[in-house]
Amino acid sequence: MTFTRPAPAVAEPGTDKTDEQAATRRAGARTAAPAPTEAAAPALAPRWWIWLAAWPVTAVFILSNAATPLYGLWQRDIGFSKGTLTVVFAFYIVGLIGSLLVSGVVSDRVGRKPVLIPALVLAALACGIFATATSVAALIVARLFTGIAVGAVVSAGMAAVTDVAGPDRKRLGALLASCAMVLGAGLGPLLAGVLSETLPAPTVTVFLVELALLALAFVTVLRMPVRRPAVVGKGAWIRLSKVPQGNGGQLLLGVAVFAPGITSTSFVLSLGPSLLSGLLGTTSRIVAGAMAFVMFLAATGVQFAVKQLAVRTILLGGAASIVVSMAALMAAVHTSSVAFLVVAAVLAGAGQGMGQLGGLSLLNSSVPGARLAEANAALNVGGYLPAGALPVSAGYLSDAIGLTSGATTFAVVLIGLAVAGGLVVLTGRRRTAGAA
């Protein structure tokens, strides 16, 4: 038996075009991607973008403490009392808290960029006012603008870092956002101290440098790969910052350690120049700035050191660091020991760093992205309220009863708060489990 190969099919005249179109439609149906929508998940950003997204936070926090070593010069040139200086500091807290009441909600509803861009503009205006300040009123306005800008970046800016990191790298996002904040806080006084001692126009130069850093941050925000929210939340636009229902426990644990941590660094930052003047007989702005930098460098480094630990362990470590830091501070003022002062500064920085990282990690792991900026704002309201109130109270107390007694009283209060925070963490194990 023989087999014959069938002849190839020949298309009938007039059917070629129809068959081609049908084949094209079938191939298109197999390969066509769905049309993108606003709610579609963005592509995973490169890892370097996570680091770069943290730069606006660092740039604004450099400004937050850059003025600190320069107040002595302004006091000499303008002429105002320590009580007036306290008022200038208070307006920073007013701007910061006021900003936190708005910027978190607005950022979650309209996006990160519409909040960050005006914040950077305000920061640049603050630089200009600082550089040309000839009155207390100018210093108050500059500090107010700085506080508003800082409030915006700790809510919208830190949330933007987490957004760029994406859901699979939330822990890294929390780490870099937290480190960006404390690194900037330390670089500010160091830059101001060095530039004011080594270059002309001591109250001008650092703010010109800061303007350049803010310009880089502005470009970064414009290019940042973040999207506007697909769904706009409901409720008041100005309100006390809060977390979604069910996340209050995580917020409480974060505030329990972050609040005494940032209060301890605020106190060391404000008390440091006075102690250094008494212990070393120096009013060098470089020395004061270097001590602040070492404190915040410790806050940065410890976060990288503990990043693999469970959040509960990080928070307990932060509480313990604060207790030992305040004990060292009491030893420093009673024994006139520079070594104890340095130990107090380093451990205060470590305490803030671990409290901040633990709090942000808890929120990043449990709060939806659509509410994350407001949650960050709530954490910072809980931290900055005591950080603004207690050091100011301690300053007045020190004027009334003396530096040694005032610092000792403040340190005892902070030790009590840190111990209470540690106990809150110990009894809240279940709430930290999800972020471990």
Protein backbone atom coordinates (compact mmCIF):
# COMPACT_ATOMS: atom_id res chain seq x y z
CA MET A 1 0.00 0.00 0.00
CA THR A 2 1.32 3.44 -0.82
CA PHE A 3 0.69 6.69 0.96
CA THR A 4 0.56 10.01 -0.77
CA ARG A 5 1.40 13.25 0.96
CA PRO A 6 -1.62 15.55 0.96
CA ALA A 7 -1.22 18.61 -1.16
CA PRO A 8 -0.78 21.86 0.73
CA ALA A 9 -3.99 23.77 1.19
CA VAL A 10 -4.42 26.63 -1.17
CA ALA A 11 -6.48 29.55 -0.06
CA GLU A 12 -9.35 30.37 -2.21
CA PRO A 13 -9.27 33.70 -3.91
CA GLY A 14 -10.53 36.49 -1.70
CA THR A 15 -9.93 34.69 1.63
CA ASP A 16 -6.27 35.65 2.31
CA LYS A 17 -7.05 38.99 3.90
CA THR A 18 -9.84 37.60 6.07
CA ASP A 19 -7.65 34.78 7.42
CA GLU A 20 -4.82 37.21 8.12
CA GLN A 21 -7.11 39.48 10.08
CA ALA A 22 -8.49 36.56 12.09
CA ALA A 23 -4.98 35.36 12.94
CA THR A 24 -3.99 38.85 13.96
CA ARG A 25 -7.02 39.12 16.23
CA ARG A 26 -6.25 35.77 17.86
CA ALA A 27 -2.60 36.71 18.44
CA GLY A 28 -3.63 40.08 19.83
CA ALA A 29 -6.05 38.45 22.23
CA ARG A 30 -3.24 36.29 23.57
CA THR A 31 -0.65 39.06 24.01
CA ALA A 32 -2.54 42.28 24.68
CA ALA A 33 -2.03 43.61 28.21
CA PRO A 34 -4.91 45.16 30.11
CA ALA A 35 -5.06 48.94 29.95
CA PRO A 36 -3.34 50.47 32.95
CA THR A 37 -5.52 52.05 35.58
CA GLU A 38 -4.70 54.52 38.34
CA ALA A 39 -5.16 51.80 40.92
CA ALA A 40 -2.70 49.41 39.24
CA ALA A 41 0.35 48.56 41.32
CA PRO A 42 3.43 50.53 40.23
CA ALA A 43 6.50 48.69 39.01
CA LEU A 44 9.06 47.88 41.68
CA ALA A 45 11.49 50.77 41.94
CA PRO A 46 15.25 50.06 41.82
CA ARG A 47 16.86 49.71 45.23
CA TRP A 48 18.88 52.90 44.79
CA TRP A 49 15.66 54.87 44.50
CA ILE A 50 14.73 53.90 48.06
CA TRP A 51 17.96 55.49 49.31
CA LEU A 52 17.46 58.56 47.11
CA ALA A 53 13.83 58.97 48.23
CA ALA A 54 15.13 59.47 51.79
CA TRP A 55 17.20 62.51 50.76
CA PRO A 56 14.40 65.14 51.12
CA VAL A 57 13.93 63.97 54.72
CA THR A 58 17.65 64.38 55.41
CA ALA A 59 17.82 67.80 53.71
CA VAL A 60 14.96 69.28 55.75
CA PHE A 61 16.25 67.80 59.01
CA ILE A 62 19.66 69.39 58.39
CA LEU A 63 17.81 72.70 58.53
CA SER A 64 15.89 71.69 61.68
CA ASN A 65 19.00 71.88 63.89
CA ALA A 66 21.31 74.06 61.79
CA ALA A 67 20.35 77.21 63.71
CA THR A 68 21.10 75.72 67.13
CA PRO A 69 24.84 76.62 67.38
CA LEU A 70 24.14 80.12 66.04
CA TYR A 71 21.72 81.42 68.66
CA GLY A 72 24.57 82.75 70.77
CA LEU A 73 25.66 84.95 67.86
CA TRP A 74 22.12 86.20 67.29
CA GLN A 75 21.75 86.91 71.01
CA ARG A 76 24.90 89.01 70.85
CA ASP A 77 24.00 90.84 67.62
CA ILE A 78 20.24 91.32 68.11
CA GLY A 79 20.11 91.30 71.91
CA PHE A 80 17.52 89.07 73.56
CA SER A 81 17.18 87.02 76.73
CA LYS A 82 17.17 83.27 77.32
CA GLY A 83 13.43 83.52 77.90
CA THR A 84 13.01 85.01 74.42
CA LEU A 85 15.14 82.22 73.00
CA THR A 86 12.73 79.73 74.55
CA VAL A 87 9.87 81.46 72.71
CA VAL A 88 11.78 81.13 69.42
CA PHE A 89 12.17 77.39 70.06
CA ALA A 90 8.49 77.12 70.99
CA PHE A 91 7.37 78.44 67.60
CA TYR A 92 9.25 75.59 65.95
CA ILE A 93 7.14 73.12 67.93
CA VAL A 94 3.97 75.09 67.11
CA GLY A 95 4.75 74.89 63.39
CA LEU A 96 5.69 71.23 63.63
CA ILE A 97 2.60 70.07 65.52
CA GLY A 98 0.31 72.23 63.38
CA SER A 99 1.82 70.74 60.25
CA LEU A 100 1.42 67.20 61.54
CA LEU A 101 -2.30 67.81 62.06
CA VAL A 102 -2.69 68.54 58.34
CA SER A 103 0.14 67.09 56.25
CA GLY A 104 -0.46 63.42 57.03
CA VAL A 105 -4.12 63.48 56.03
CA VAL A 106 -3.49 65.64 52.95
CA SER A 107 -0.61 63.42 51.81
CA ASP A 108 -2.71 60.26 52.10
CA ARG A 109 -5.50 61.89 50.06
CA VAL A 110 -3.76 63.89 47.33
CA GLY A 111 -0.31 62.26 47.24
CA ARG A 112 3.18 62.74 48.63
CA LYS A 113 4.50 65.27 46.10
CA PRO A 114 1.78 67.94 46.62
CA VAL A 115 2.80 68.02 50.30
CA LEU A 116 6.57 67.73 49.92
CA ILE A 117 7.02 70.41 47.26
CA PRO A 118 5.42 73.24 49.32
CA ALA A 119 7.35 71.99 52.37
CA LEU A 120 10.66 72.35 50.51
CA VAL A 121 9.66 75.84 49.36
CA LEU A 122 8.91 76.82 52.98
CA ALA A 123 12.25 75.38 54.07
CA ALA A 124 14.01 77.48 51.42
CA LEU A 125 12.16 80.59 52.62
CA ALA A 126 13.25 79.79 56.18
CA CYS A 127 16.88 79.68 54.99
CA GLY A 128 16.52 83.11 53.42
CA ILE A 129 14.97 84.58 56.57
CA PHE A 130 17.62 83.03 58.84
CA ALA A 131 20.43 84.36 56.62
CA THR A 132 19.08 87.93 56.73
CA ALA A 133 17.60 87.95 60.25
CA THR A 134 18.05 91.20 62.18
CA SER A 135 15.19 90.82 64.68
CA VAL A 136 13.57 88.30 66.98
CA ALA A 137 10.45 88.39 64.80
CA ALA A 138 12.49 87.15 61.82
CA LEU A 139 13.91 84.27 63.87
CA ILE A 140 10.40 83.33 65.04
CA VAL A 141 9.07 83.25 61.46
CA ALA A 142 12.06 81.22 60.26
CA ARG A 143 11.63 78.68 63.05
CA LEU A 144 7.89 78.50 62.39
CA PHE A 145 8.47 77.77 58.70
CA THR A 146 11.11 75.20 59.61
CA GLY A 147 8.68 73.44 61.95
CA ILE A 148 6.00 73.29 59.25
CA ALA A 149 8.48 71.83 56.75
CA VAL A 150 9.71 69.24 59.25
CA GLY A 151 6.14 68.21 60.04
CA ALA A 152 5.50 67.61 56.35
CA VAL A 153 8.59 65.48 55.76
CA VAL A 154 8.14 63.26 58.83
CA SER A 155 4.64 62.39 57.62
CA ALA A 156 4.62 62.61 53.80
CA GLY A 157 8.38 62.28 53.26
CA MET A 158 8.84 59.18 55.38
CA ALA A 159 5.70 57.62 53.88
CA ALA A 160 7.11 58.33 50.41
CA VAL A 161 10.22 56.29 51.23
CA THR A 162 7.99 53.35 52.18
CA ASP A 163 5.92 53.81 49.01
CA VAL A 164 9.05 53.66 46.84
CA ALA A 165 10.29 50.58 48.73
CA GLY A 166 7.06 48.71 48.01
CA PRO A 167 5.25 46.07 50.08
CA ASP A 168 8.09 43.53 49.95
CA ARG A 169 10.71 45.96 51.31
CA LYS A 170 8.77 47.75 54.05
CA ARG A 171 11.37 46.99 56.70
CA LEU A 172 14.09 48.59 54.53
CA GLY A 173 11.83 51.58 53.88
CA ALA A 174 11.30 52.10 57.61
CA LEU A 175 15.04 51.79 58.27
CA LEU A 176 16.09 54.34 55.64
CA ALA A 177 13.33 56.81 56.49
CA SER A 178 14.27 56.69 60.16
CA CYS A 179 18.00 56.98 59.51
CA ALA A 180 17.45 59.89 57.11
CA MET A 181 15.77 61.84 59.88
CA VAL A 182 18.42 61.40 62.57
CA LEU A 183 21.35 61.74 60.16
CA GLY A 184 20.03 65.10 58.99
CA ALA A 185 19.41 66.19 62.58
CA GLY A 186 23.08 65.52 63.36
CA LEU A 187 24.56 67.02 60.20
CA GLY A 188 22.79 70.36 60.75
CA PRO A 189 24.62 71.52 63.90
CA LEU A 190 27.91 70.06 62.69
CA LEU A 191 27.75 71.99 59.40
CA ALA A 192 26.67 75.16 61.18
CA GLY A 193 29.42 74.85 63.77
CA VAL A 194 32.21 74.23 61.26
CA LEU A 195 31.11 76.80 58.67
CA SER A 196 30.42 79.52 61.25
CA GLU A 197 33.87 79.10 62.81
CA THR A 198 35.89 78.82 59.59
CA LEU A 199 34.18 81.05 57.00
CA PRO A 200 33.00 84.67 56.92
CA ALA A 201 29.36 85.58 57.61
CA PRO A 202 28.83 82.92 60.30
CA THR A 203 25.03 83.26 60.38
CA VAL A 204 24.71 83.24 56.58
CA THR A 205 27.00 80.61 55.03
CA VAL A 206 25.33 77.47 56.40
CA PHE A 207 21.95 78.57 55.04
CA LEU A 208 23.39 79.15 51.57
CA VAL A 209 24.74 75.60 51.65
CA GLU A 210 21.36 74.37 52.88
CA LEU A 211 19.62 76.08 49.96
CA ALA A 212 21.74 74.01 47.58
CA LEU A 213 20.85 70.82 49.47
CA LEU A 214 17.15 71.70 49.34
CA ALA A 215 17.42 72.28 45.57
CA LEU A 216 18.69 68.71 45.17
CA ALA A 217 15.83 67.49 47.33
CA PHE A 218 13.35 69.40 45.14
CA VAL A 219 14.62 67.68 42.00
CA THR A 220 14.45 64.33 43.80
CA VAL A 221 10.80 64.84 44.74
CA LEU A 222 9.87 65.86 41.19
CA ARG A 223 11.40 62.63 39.82
CA MET A 224 10.31 60.34 42.65
CA PRO A 225 8.39 57.25 41.42
CA VAL A 226 5.28 57.64 43.61
CA ARG A 227 1.65 57.77 42.53
CA ARG A 228 -1.33 59.77 43.63
CA PRO A 229 -3.85 57.74 45.65
CA ALA A 230 -6.49 55.94 43.56
CA VAL A 231 -9.10 56.37 46.30
CA VAL A 232 -9.53 59.56 48.32
CA GLY A 233 -10.27 59.07 52.02
CA LYS A 234 -13.14 60.68 53.87
CA GLY A 235 -13.38 62.82 56.98
CA ALA A 236 -11.99 66.15 58.16
CA TRP A 237 -8.84 67.46 56.50
CA ILE A 238 -7.56 69.01 59.73
CA ARG A 239 -7.73 66.63 62.68
CA LEU A 240 -5.71 65.04 65.41
CA SER A 241 -3.56 62.48 63.61
CA LYS A 242 -4.60 58.90 64.27
CA VAL A 243 -4.19 55.36 62.98
CA PRO A 244 -6.87 53.06 61.56
CA GLN A 245 -9.00 51.11 64.00
CA GLY A 246 -7.08 48.11 65.26
CA ASN A 247 -3.64 49.78 64.97
CA GLY A 248 -3.76 51.80 68.17
CA GLY A 249 -1.72 49.20 70.01
CA GLN A 250 1.17 49.46 67.54
CA LEU A 251 1.10 53.25 67.83
CA LEU A 252 1.15 53.06 71.63
CA LEU A 253 4.18 50.75 71.62
CA GLY A 254 6.07 53.03 69.25
CA VAL A 255 5.30 56.21 71.19
CA ALA A 256 6.14 54.50 74.51
CA VAL A 257 9.84 54.36 73.55
CA PHE A 258 10.15 56.96 70.78
CA ALA A 259 8.79 59.78 72.99
CA PRO A 260 11.35 59.48 75.82
CA GLY A 261 14.05 58.82 73.20
CA ILE A 262 13.55 61.99 71.18
CA THR A 263 12.99 63.96 74.40
CA SER A 264 16.37 62.81 75.72
CA THR A 265 18.20 63.86 72.54
CA SER A 266 16.36 67.21 72.56
CA PHE A 267 17.48 67.79 76.13
CA VAL A 268 21.11 66.83 75.49
CA LEU A 269 21.05 69.04 72.38
CA SER A 270 19.81 72.05 74.35
CA LEU A 271 21.89 71.38 77.48
CA GLY A 272 25.08 70.35 75.69
CA PRO A 273 26.56 73.83 75.00
CA SER A 274 26.02 74.89 78.63
CA LEU A 275 27.62 71.73 79.97
CA LEU A 276 30.52 71.94 77.54
CA SER A 277 31.10 75.55 78.54
CA GLY A 278 31.21 74.57 82.20
CA LEU A 279 33.19 71.34 81.82
CA LEU A 280 35.65 72.32 79.11
CA GLY A 281 35.58 76.10 79.42
CA THR A 282 34.84 76.35 75.69
CA THR A 283 32.12 78.03 73.69
CA SER A 284 33.33 76.53 70.41
CA ARG A 285 30.45 75.97 68.02
CA ILE A 286 32.46 73.22 66.32
CA VAL A 287 32.75 71.25 69.58
CA ALA A 288 29.04 71.67 70.34
CA GLY A 289 28.10 70.71 66.78
CA ALA A 290 30.42 67.70 66.85
CA MET A 291 28.82 66.40 70.04
CA ALA A 292 25.37 66.69 68.47
CA PHE A 293 26.62 64.94 65.34
CA VAL A 294 28.09 62.06 67.37
CA MET A 295 24.78 61.68 69.19
CA PHE A 296 22.75 61.45 65.98
CA LEU A 297 25.41 59.37 64.26
CA ALA A 298 24.86 56.84 67.06
CA ALA A 299 21.13 57.06 66.36
CA THR A 300 21.83 56.25 62.70
CA GLY A 301 24.40 53.51 63.21
CA VAL A 302 22.45 51.61 65.85
CA GLN A 303 19.53 51.21 63.47
CA PHE A 304 21.67 49.40 60.92
CA ALA A 305 23.16 47.31 63.73
CA VAL A 306 19.79 46.10 65.05
CA LYS A 307 17.77 45.97 61.83
CA GLN A 308 17.61 42.14 61.82
CA LEU A 309 16.32 41.91 65.40
CA ALA A 310 12.69 41.51 66.38
CA VAL A 311 10.87 44.83 66.82
CA ARG A 312 10.13 44.03 70.47
CA THR A 313 13.84 43.55 71.15
CA ILE A 314 14.66 46.82 69.38
CA LEU A 315 12.14 48.76 71.47
CA LEU A 316 13.35 47.23 74.73
CA GLY A 317 16.92 48.08 73.76
CA GLY A 318 15.86 51.66 73.12
CA ALA A 319 14.21 51.98 76.53
CA ALA A 320 17.29 50.54 78.25
CA SER A 321 19.60 52.96 76.38
CA ILE A 322 17.54 55.95 77.51
CA VAL A 323 17.70 54.84 81.17
CA VAL A 324 21.50 54.45 81.08
CA SER A 325 21.87 57.70 79.12
CA MET A 326 20.05 59.74 81.74
CA ALA A 327 22.02 58.06 84.52
CA ALA A 328 25.22 59.08 82.71
CA LEU A 329 23.89 62.63 82.31
CA MET A 330 23.31 62.89 86.07
CA ALA A 331 26.84 61.62 86.64
CA ALA A 332 28.18 64.21 84.18
CA VAL A 333 26.58 67.20 85.92
CA HIS A 334 27.51 65.98 89.41
CA THR A 335 31.11 65.01 88.65
CA SER A 336 31.89 67.52 85.87
CA SER A 337 32.93 64.62 83.65
CA VAL A 338 33.16 65.09 79.91
CA ALA A 339 33.35 61.30 79.45
CA PHE A 340 29.97 60.82 81.13
CA LEU A 341 28.50 63.60 78.97
CA VAL A 342 29.69 61.86 75.79
CA VAL A 343 28.27 58.53 76.99
CA ALA A 344 24.96 60.25 77.75
CA ALA A 345 24.84 61.77 74.26
CA VAL A 346 25.69 58.51 72.45
CA LEU A 347 23.17 56.44 74.42
CA ALA A 348 20.46 59.09 74.05
CA GLY A 349 20.99 58.91 70.29
CA ALA A 350 20.84 55.12 70.38
CA GLY A 351 17.63 55.27 72.41
CA GLN A 352 15.93 57.61 69.96
CA GLY A 353 17.17 55.60 66.98
CA MET A 354 15.82 52.29 68.27
CA GLY A 355 12.54 53.80 69.47
CA GLN A 356 12.02 55.48 66.13
CA LEU A 357 12.92 52.41 64.06
CA GLY A 358 10.71 50.17 66.19
CA GLY A 359 7.75 52.53 65.97
CA LEU A 360 8.03 53.02 62.20
CA SER A 361 8.48 49.28 61.62
CA LEU A 362 5.30 48.52 63.57
CA LEU A 363 3.30 51.07 61.59
CA ASN A 364 4.76 50.09 58.20
CA SER A 365 3.92 46.43 58.78
CA SER A 366 0.32 46.98 59.83
CA VAL A 367 -1.09 50.28 58.51
CA PRO A 368 -2.39 50.41 54.89
CA GLY A 369 -0.45 52.68 52.56
CA ALA A 370 -3.50 54.92 52.17
CA ARG A 371 -3.22 55.89 55.86
CA LEU A 372 0.54 55.61 56.41
CA ALA A 373 1.43 59.32 56.31
CA GLU A 374 -1.21 60.11 58.92
CA ALA A 375 0.06 57.21 61.06
CA ASN A 376 3.61 58.58 60.82
CA ALA A 377 2.26 61.98 61.85
CA ALA A 378 0.53 60.42 64.88
CA LEU A 379 3.79 58.77 65.98
CA ASN A 380 5.65 62.07 65.72
CA VAL A 381 2.96 64.05 67.53
CA GLY A 382 3.33 61.58 70.39
CA GLY A 383 7.09 62.07 70.35
CA TYR A 384 7.45 65.80 69.75
CA LEU A 385 4.92 66.98 72.33
CA PRO A 386 7.08 65.87 75.28
CA ALA A 387 10.27 66.64 73.32
CA GLY A 388 9.13 70.25 73.03
CA ALA A 389 7.57 70.70 76.45
CA LEU A 390 9.97 68.93 78.83
CA PRO A 391 13.30 70.52 77.75
CA VAL A 392 11.72 74.00 77.85
CA SER A 393 10.40 73.28 81.36
CA ALA A 394 13.81 71.96 82.35
CA GLY A 395 15.41 75.17 81.08
CA TYR A 396 13.22 77.32 83.29
CA LEU A 397 13.73 74.93 86.18
CA SER A 398 17.51 75.12 85.77
CA ASP A 399 17.33 78.93 85.87
CA ALA A 400 15.35 78.70 89.12
CA ILE A 401 17.22 75.99 91.04
CA GLY A 402 20.50 75.69 89.18
CA LEU A 403 21.77 73.62 86.25
CA THR A 404 22.77 70.59 88.31
CA SER A 405 19.45 70.28 90.16
CA GLY A 406 17.38 71.04 87.05
CA ALA A 407 19.21 68.51 84.89
CA THR A 408 18.95 65.88 87.62
CA THR A 409 15.20 66.38 87.99
CA PHE A 410 14.71 66.13 84.24
CA ALA A 411 16.84 62.99 84.01
CA VAL A 412 14.84 61.28 86.77
CA VAL A 413 11.57 62.09 84.98
CA LEU A 414 12.91 60.67 81.71
CA ILE A 415 14.16 57.51 83.42
CA GLY A 416 10.64 57.01 84.76
CA LEU A 417 9.13 57.50 81.28
CA ALA A 418 11.62 55.08 79.70
CA VAL A 419 10.96 52.40 82.32
CA ALA A 420 7.22 52.84 81.80
CA GLY A 421 7.74 52.54 78.04
CA GLY A 422 9.71 49.33 78.48
CA LEU A 423 6.94 47.86 80.61
CA VAL A 424 4.39 48.75 77.92
CA VAL A 425 6.50 46.88 75.36
CA LEU A 426 6.90 43.86 77.64
CA THR A 427 3.14 43.58 78.09
CA GLY A 428 2.40 44.17 74.39
CA ARG A 429 4.23 41.18 72.88
CA ARG A 430 1.32 40.16 70.63
CA ARG A 431 1.21 43.56 68.94
CA THR A 432 4.90 43.39 67.96
CA ALA A 433 4.73 39.87 66.59
CA GLY A 434 3.58 40.91 63.12
CA ALA A 435 6.58 43.19 62.57
CA ALA A 436 9.18 40.79 63.86
